[in-house]
C-alpha atoms as a PDB file:
ATOM      1  CA  MET A   1     146.933   5.005-119.597  1.00  0.00           C
ATOM      2  CA  THR A   2     145.182   8.285-118.833  1.00  0.00           C
ATOM      3  CA  LEU A   3     142.403   9.489-121.089  1.00  0.00           C
ATOM      4  CA  VAL A   4     142.184  13.005-119.732  1.00  0.00           C
ATOM      5  CA  SER A   5     144.844  15.569-120.516  1.00  0.00           C
ATOM      6  CA  THR A   6     146.649  17.082-117.578  1.00  0.00           C
ATOM      7  CA  ASP A   7     145.078  20.438-118.514  1.00  0.00           C
ATOM      8  CA  ASN A   8     141.740  19.107-117.201  1.00  0.00           C
ATOM      9  CA  ALA A   9     143.063  16.981-114.351  1.00  0.00           C
ATOM     10  CA  GLY A  10     140.390  16.772-111.685  1.00  0.00           C
ATOM     11  CA  ALA A  11     137.683  18.066-114.022  1.00  0.00           C
ATOM     12  CA  ILE A  12     134.312  16.393-114.344  1.00  0.00           C
ATOM     13  CA  HIS A  13     134.730  13.862-117.135  1.00  0.00           C
ATOM     14  CA  VAL A  14     131.848  13.491-119.602  1.00  0.00           C
ATOM     15  CA  GLY A  15     131.651  10.513-121.951  1.00  0.00           C
ATOM     16  CA  VAL A  16     129.598  10.906-125.136  1.00  0.00           C
ATOM     17  CA  ASN A  17     128.215   7.861-126.931  1.00  0.00           C
ATOM     18  CA  ALA A  18     129.017   8.868-130.514  1.00  0.00           C
ATOM     19  CA  HIS A  19     128.448   5.492-132.179  1.00  0.00           C
ATOM     20  CA  LEU A  20     125.760   6.908-134.481  1.00  0.00           C
ATOM     21  CA  LEU A  21     128.325   9.292-135.970  1.00  0.00           C
ATOM     22  CA  SER A  22     128.937   8.458-139.633  1.00  0.00           C
ATOM     23  CA  LEU A  23     130.967  10.358-142.182  1.00  0.00           C
ATOM     24  CA  ASP A  24     129.426   8.332-145.032  1.00  0.00           C
ATOM     25  CA  GLN A  25     126.970  10.047-147.333  1.00  0.00           C
ATOM     26  CA  ASN A  26     123.994   7.760-146.730  1.00  0.00           C
ATOM     27  CA  TYR A  27     120.882   7.536-144.573  1.00  0.00           C
ATOM     28  CA  ARG A  28     123.045   7.391-141.427  1.00  0.00           C
ATOM     29  CA  SER A  29     124.443  10.866-142.141  1.00  0.00           C
ATOM     30  CA  ALA A  30     121.157  12.611-141.339  1.00  0.00           C
ATOM     31  CA  GLY A  31     119.891  14.616-138.350  1.00  0.00           C
ATOM     32  CA  ILE A  32     121.165  12.776-135.275  1.00  0.00           C
ATOM     33  CA  ASN A  33     124.510  12.227-136.971  1.00  0.00           C
ATOM     34  CA  TRP A  34     124.932  15.993-137.398  1.00  0.00           C
ATOM     35  CA  TYR A  35     123.746  16.595-133.836  1.00  0.00           C
ATOM     36  CA  ILE A  36     126.517  14.311-132.557  1.00  0.00           C
ATOM     37  CA  TYR A  37     129.117  15.744-134.930  1.00  0.00           C
ATOM     38  CA  HIS A  38     128.467  19.342-133.873  1.00  0.00           C
ATOM     39  CA  LEU A  39     128.151  18.364-130.218  1.00  0.00           C
ATOM     40  CA  LEU A  40     131.653  16.900-130.342  1.00  0.00           C
ATOM     41  CA  CYS A  41     132.989  19.928-132.219  1.00  0.00           C
ATOM     42  CA  HIS A  42     131.495  22.533-129.886  1.00  0.00           C
ATOM     43  CA  LEU A  43     131.280  21.032-126.384  1.00  0.00           C
ATOM     44  CA  PRO A  44     134.798  22.110-125.379  1.00  0.00           C
ATOM     45  CA  ASP A  45     133.967  25.679-126.436  1.00  0.00           C
ATOM     46  CA  ALA A  46     130.751  25.596-124.423  1.00  0.00           C
ATOM     47  CA  ASP A  47     132.490  24.407-121.250  1.00  0.00           C
ATOM     48  CA  SER A  48     136.257  24.010-121.354  1.00  0.00           C
ATOM     49  CA  ASP A  49     136.354  23.212-117.631  1.00  0.00           C
ATOM     50  CA  LEU A  50     135.033  19.707-118.341  1.00  0.00           C
ATOM     51  CA  ALA A  51     136.954  16.775-119.802  1.00  0.00           C
ATOM     52  CA  TYR A  52     135.336  14.930-122.725  1.00  0.00           C
ATOM     53  CA  THR A  53     135.699  11.466-124.213  1.00  0.00           C
ATOM     54  CA  ALA A  54     133.798  10.447-127.336  1.00  0.00           C
ATOM     55  CA  PHE A  55     133.140   6.722-127.648  1.00  0.00           C
ATOM     56  CA  LEU A  56     132.820   5.900-131.332  1.00  0.00           C
ATOM     57  CA  GLY A  57     133.431   3.477-134.149  1.00  0.00           C
ATOM     58  CA  GLU A  58     133.895   6.053-136.938  1.00  0.00           C
ATOM     59  CA  ARG A  59     137.638   5.940-137.515  1.00  0.00           C
ATOM     60  CA  ARG A  60     137.657   8.855-139.981  1.00  0.00           C
ATOM     61  CA  PHE A  61     136.533  11.350-137.347  1.00  0.00           C
ATOM     62  CA  VAL A  62     139.736  13.182-136.485  1.00  0.00           C
ATOM     63  CA  GLY A  63     138.353  14.613-133.286  1.00  0.00           C
ATOM     64  CA  THR A  64     138.472  18.150-132.016  1.00  0.00           C
ATOM     65  CA  PRO A  65     140.726  19.863-129.484  1.00  0.00           C
ATOM     66  CA  GLY A  66     139.448  19.082-126.013  1.00  0.00           C
ATOM     67  CA  VAL A  67     137.735  15.776-126.917  1.00  0.00           C
ATOM     68  CA  HIS A  68     139.551  12.476-126.540  1.00  0.00           C
ATOM     69  CA  CYS A  69     138.341   9.815-128.998  1.00  0.00           C
ATOM     70  CA  SER A  70     138.007   6.251-127.732  1.00  0.00           C
ATOM     71  CA  LEU A  71     137.564   3.938-130.714  1.00  0.00           C
ATOM     72  CA  THR A  72     136.039   0.479-130.566  1.00  0.00           C
ATOM     73  CA  ARG A  73     137.036  -2.407-132.793  1.00  0.00           C
ATOM     74  CA  LEU A  74     133.443  -3.628-132.836  1.00  0.00           C
ATOM     75  CA  PRO A  75     131.403  -2.925-135.998  1.00  0.00           C
ATOM     76  CA  THR A  76     128.956  -0.603-134.239  1.00  0.00           C
ATOM     77  CA  HIS A  77     127.620   0.639-137.578  1.00  0.00           C
ATOM     78  CA  ARG A  78     125.532  -2.547-137.386  1.00  0.00           C
ATOM     79  CA  PRO A  79     122.506  -1.796-135.151  1.00  0.00           C
ATOM     80  CA  GLN A  80     122.593  -5.070-133.207  1.00  0.00           C
ATOM     81  CA  VAL A  81     126.285  -4.631-132.402  1.00  0.00           C
ATOM     82  CA  ARG A  82     125.734  -0.996-131.413  1.00  0.00           C
ATOM     83  CA  ILE A  83     122.950  -2.002-129.006  1.00  0.00           C
ATOM     84  CA  VAL A  84     125.203  -4.618-127.401  1.00  0.00           C
ATOM     85  CA  TRP A  85     127.977  -2.023-127.139  1.00  0.00           C
ATOM     86  CA  GLU A  86     125.625   0.556-125.564  1.00  0.00           C
ATOM     87  CA  GLN A  87     124.246  -1.812-122.963  1.00  0.00           C
ATOM     88  CA  LEU A  88     127.168  -4.131-122.166  1.00  0.00           C
ATOM     89  CA  VAL A  89     130.459  -2.537-123.227  1.00  0.00           C
ATOM     90  CA  GLN A  90     129.727   1.157-122.639  1.00  0.00           C
ATOM     91  CA  PRO A  91     129.332   0.900-118.852  1.00  0.00           C
ATOM     92  CA  TRP A  92     132.692  -0.879-118.621  1.00  0.00           C
ATOM     93  CA  ALA A  93     134.388   1.509-121.090  1.00  0.00           C
ATOM     94  CA  ALA A  94     133.043   4.563-119.276  1.00  0.00           C
ATOM     95  CA  ARG A  95     134.253   3.355-115.894  1.00  0.00           C
ATOM     96  CA  ARG A  96     137.644   2.357-117.328  1.00  0.00           C
ATOM     97  CA  ALA A  97     138.006   5.846-118.850  1.00  0.00           C
ATOM     98  CA  GLY A  98     137.129   7.498-115.527  1.00  0.00           C
ATOM     99  CA  VAL A  99     133.923   9.032-116.875  1.00  0.00           C
ATOM    100  CA  ASP A 100     131.736  10.736-114.269  1.00  0.00           C
ATOM    101  CA  LEU A 101     128.705  11.289-116.509  1.00  0.00           C
ATOM    102  CA  VAL A 102     127.608   9.679-119.784  1.00  0.00           C
ATOM    103  CA  HIS A 103     125.679  11.616-122.426  1.00  0.00           C
ATOM    104  CA  ALA A 104     123.480   9.405-124.602  1.00  0.00           C
ATOM    105  CA  PRO A 105     122.638  11.759-127.506  1.00  0.00           C
ATOM    106  CA  ALA A 106     120.115   9.482-129.237  1.00  0.00           C
ATOM    107  CA  PHE A 107     117.214   8.138-127.143  1.00  0.00           C
ATOM    108  CA  VAL A 108     118.912   5.268-125.288  1.00  0.00           C
ATOM    109  CA  GLY A 109     121.341   5.254-122.389  1.00  0.00           C
ATOM    110  CA  PRO A 110     123.240   2.462-120.678  1.00  0.00           C
ATOM    111  CA  LEU A 111     120.718   0.932-118.302  1.00  0.00           C
ATOM    112  CA  VAL A 112     122.900  -1.168-115.969  1.00  0.00           C
ATOM    113  CA  GLY A 113     126.313  -0.647-114.400  1.00  0.00           C
ATOM    114  CA  SER A 114     127.053   2.746-115.906  1.00  0.00           C
ATOM    115  CA  PRO A 115     128.006   6.029-114.322  1.00  0.00           C
ATOM    116  CA  PRO A 116     124.998   8.380-114.176  1.00  0.00           C
ATOM    117  CA  PHE A 117     123.776   9.462-117.588  1.00  0.00           C
ATOM    118  CA  VAL A 118     121.720  12.073-119.381  1.00  0.00           C
ATOM    119  CA  VAL A 119     119.811  11.230-122.540  1.00  0.00           C
ATOM    120  CA  THR A 120     118.713  13.425-125.430  1.00  0.00           C
ATOM    121  CA  ILE A 121     115.270  12.830-126.915  1.00  0.00           C
ATOM    122  CA  HIS A 122     114.779  14.395-130.333  1.00  0.00           C
ATOM    123  CA  ASP A 123     111.134  13.411-130.768  1.00  0.00           C
ATOM    124  CA  LEU A 124     108.772  10.525-130.072  1.00  0.00           C
ATOM    125  CA  SER A 125     107.657   9.942-133.655  1.00  0.00           C
ATOM    126  CA  PHE A 126     108.030   6.186-133.149  1.00  0.00           C
ATOM    127  CA  VAL A 127     105.220   6.451-130.579  1.00  0.00           C
ATOM    128  CA  GLY A 128     103.027   9.004-132.341  1.00  0.00           C
ATOM    129  CA  TYR A 129     103.501   7.595-135.863  1.00  0.00           C
ATOM    130  CA  PRO A 130     104.350   3.915-135.366  1.00  0.00           C
ATOM    131  CA  GLN A 131     103.312   3.009-138.919  1.00  0.00           C
ATOM    132  CA  ASN A 132     106.405   4.852-140.204  1.00  0.00           C
ATOM    133  CA  PHE A 133     108.829   2.515-138.431  1.00  0.00           C
ATOM    134  CA  ARG A 134     109.820  -1.089-138.946  1.00  0.00           C
ATOM    135  CA  SER A 135     108.398  -3.209-136.160  1.00  0.00           C
ATOM    136  CA  GLY A 136     111.812  -4.144-134.706  1.00  0.00           C
ATOM    137  CA  ASN A 137     113.033  -0.531-134.628  1.00  0.00           C
ATOM    138  CA  ARG A 138     109.745   0.669-133.177  1.00  0.00           C
ATOM    139  CA  ALA A 139     109.753  -1.970-130.425  1.00  0.00           C
ATOM    140  CA  TYR A 140     113.388  -1.270-129.533  1.00  0.00           C
ATOM    141  CA  LEU A 141     112.911   2.515-129.411  1.00  0.00           C
ATOM    142  CA  ARG A 142     109.652   2.341-127.455  1.00  0.00           C
ATOM    143  CA  LEU A 143     111.020   0.006-124.763  1.00  0.00           C
ATOM    144  CA  PHE A 144     114.561   1.348-124.415  1.00  0.00           C
ATOM    145  CA  THR A 145     113.567   5.013-124.624  1.00  0.00           C
ATOM    146  CA  ARG A 146     110.977   4.494-121.886  1.00  0.00           C
ATOM    147  CA  LEU A 147     113.532   2.734-119.665  1.00  0.00           C
ATOM    148  CA  SER A 148     116.221   5.316-120.449  1.00  0.00           C
ATOM    149  CA  VAL A 149     114.192   8.425-119.639  1.00  0.00           C
ATOM    150  CA  HIS A 150     113.121   6.961-116.306  1.00  0.00           C
ATOM    151  CA  THR A 151     116.663   5.796-115.450  1.00  0.00           C
ATOM    152  CA  ALA A 152     118.535   8.901-116.628  1.00  0.00           C
ATOM    153  CA  ARG A 153     119.689  11.543-114.178  1.00  0.00           C
ATOM    154  CA  ARG A 154     118.265  14.229-116.518  1.00  0.00           C
ATOM    155  CA  VAL A 155     116.579  14.237-119.916  1.00  0.00           C
ATOM    156  CA  ILE A 156     117.337  16.711-122.696  1.00  0.00           C
ATOM    157  CA  ALA A 157     114.466  17.442-125.081  1.00  0.00           C
ATOM    158  CA  VAL A 158     115.132  19.440-128.241  1.00  0.00           C
ATOM    159  CA  SER A 159     111.760  21.223-128.024  1.00  0.00           C
ATOM    160  CA  HIS A 160     108.916  22.001-125.656  1.00  0.00           C
ATOM    161  CA  SER A 161     106.720  19.748-127.792  1.00  0.00           C
ATOM    162  CA  THR A 162     109.051  16.806-127.128  1.00  0.00           C
ATOM    163  CA  ARG A 163     109.005  17.591-123.395  1.00  0.00           C
ATOM    164  CA  GLU A 164     105.193  17.536-123.480  1.00  0.00           C
ATOM    165  CA  ASP A 165     105.241  14.235-125.397  1.00  0.00           C
ATOM    166  CA  LEU A 166     107.550  12.722-122.768  1.00  0.00           C
ATOM    167  CA  ALA A 167     105.020  13.625-120.089  1.00  0.00           C
ATOM    168  CA  ARG A 168     102.048  12.429-122.147  1.00  0.00           C
ATOM    169  CA  PHE A 169     103.452   9.129-123.482  1.00  0.00           C
ATOM    170  CA  TYR A 170     105.847   8.143-120.678  1.00  0.00           C
ATOM    171  CA  GLY A 171     104.487   9.934-117.616  1.00  0.00           C
ATOM    172  CA  LEU A 172     107.790  11.743-117.162  1.00  0.00           C
ATOM    173  CA  SER A 173     107.746  14.772-114.889  1.00  0.00           C
ATOM    174  CA  PRO A 174     108.507  17.940-116.875  1.00  0.00           C
ATOM    175  CA  ARG A 175     110.805  18.923-113.961  1.00  0.00           C
ATOM    176  CA  LYS A 176     113.202  16.135-115.027  1.00  0.00           C
ATOM    177  CA  VAL A 177     113.418  17.463-118.605  1.00  0.00           C
ATOM    178  CA  ASP A 178     115.583  20.335-119.814  1.00  0.00           C
ATOM    179  CA  VAL A 179     114.701  21.850-123.189  1.00  0.00           C
ATOM    180  CA  VAL A 180     117.878  22.552-125.156  1.00  0.00           C
ATOM    181  CA  TYR A 181     117.283  23.690-128.716  1.00  0.00           C
ATOM    182  CA  ASN A 182     119.490  22.458-131.528  1.00  0.00           C
ATOM    183  CA  GLY A 183     121.983  24.972-132.816  1.00  0.00           C
ATOM    184  CA  VAL A 184     122.030  26.371-136.327  1.00  0.00           C
ATOM    185  CA  ASP A 185     124.941  25.564-138.610  1.00  0.00           C
ATOM    186  CA  PRO A 186     126.624  28.707-140.019  1.00  0.00           C
ATOM    187  CA  ALA A 187     125.808  27.378-143.508  1.00  0.00           C
ATOM    188  CA  PHE A 188     122.184  28.389-142.844  1.00  0.00           C
ATOM    189  CA  ARG A 189     123.004  32.000-142.010  1.00  0.00           C
ATOM    190  CA  SER A 190     123.209  34.710-144.636  1.00  0.00           C
END
């Protein structure tokens, strides 16, 4: 079974970990969810020469032209299952799909056995304001974000402030970090 349309045969194939995507109206449908949603909707417009596969558990996402959706049967809406998927299943799924590069859009990339990956860091509030996070979440984010940014091929920061925090808290060279601002939804334009 081929996951890339013949229109993009031979193109660089990017896999996007979209397991934090949720179409429910709850706490999971906040900032990073919308980042992933709009990333999937607009990536093919930004670079149609690449092939894209979104790895996700949200069955209601109908996809967008130019993005193949690879659904898992695992309940990745549960954080522990999602972490297992990211670290153990994702490397296998990415290789099986023929992915050349994985994009981890939310702090943590696949650390072992994966194709090269880039990771997006939105902020390091779990480091700067640890009291605002449950201890398990804080420990997970601190450890796996640190490992991910040092293992990633490149790091995307959504602001210069985040890039500076990556250097300050994790000793990451600013040369490894690309600042890419979040877009603005048309709903916020007059």
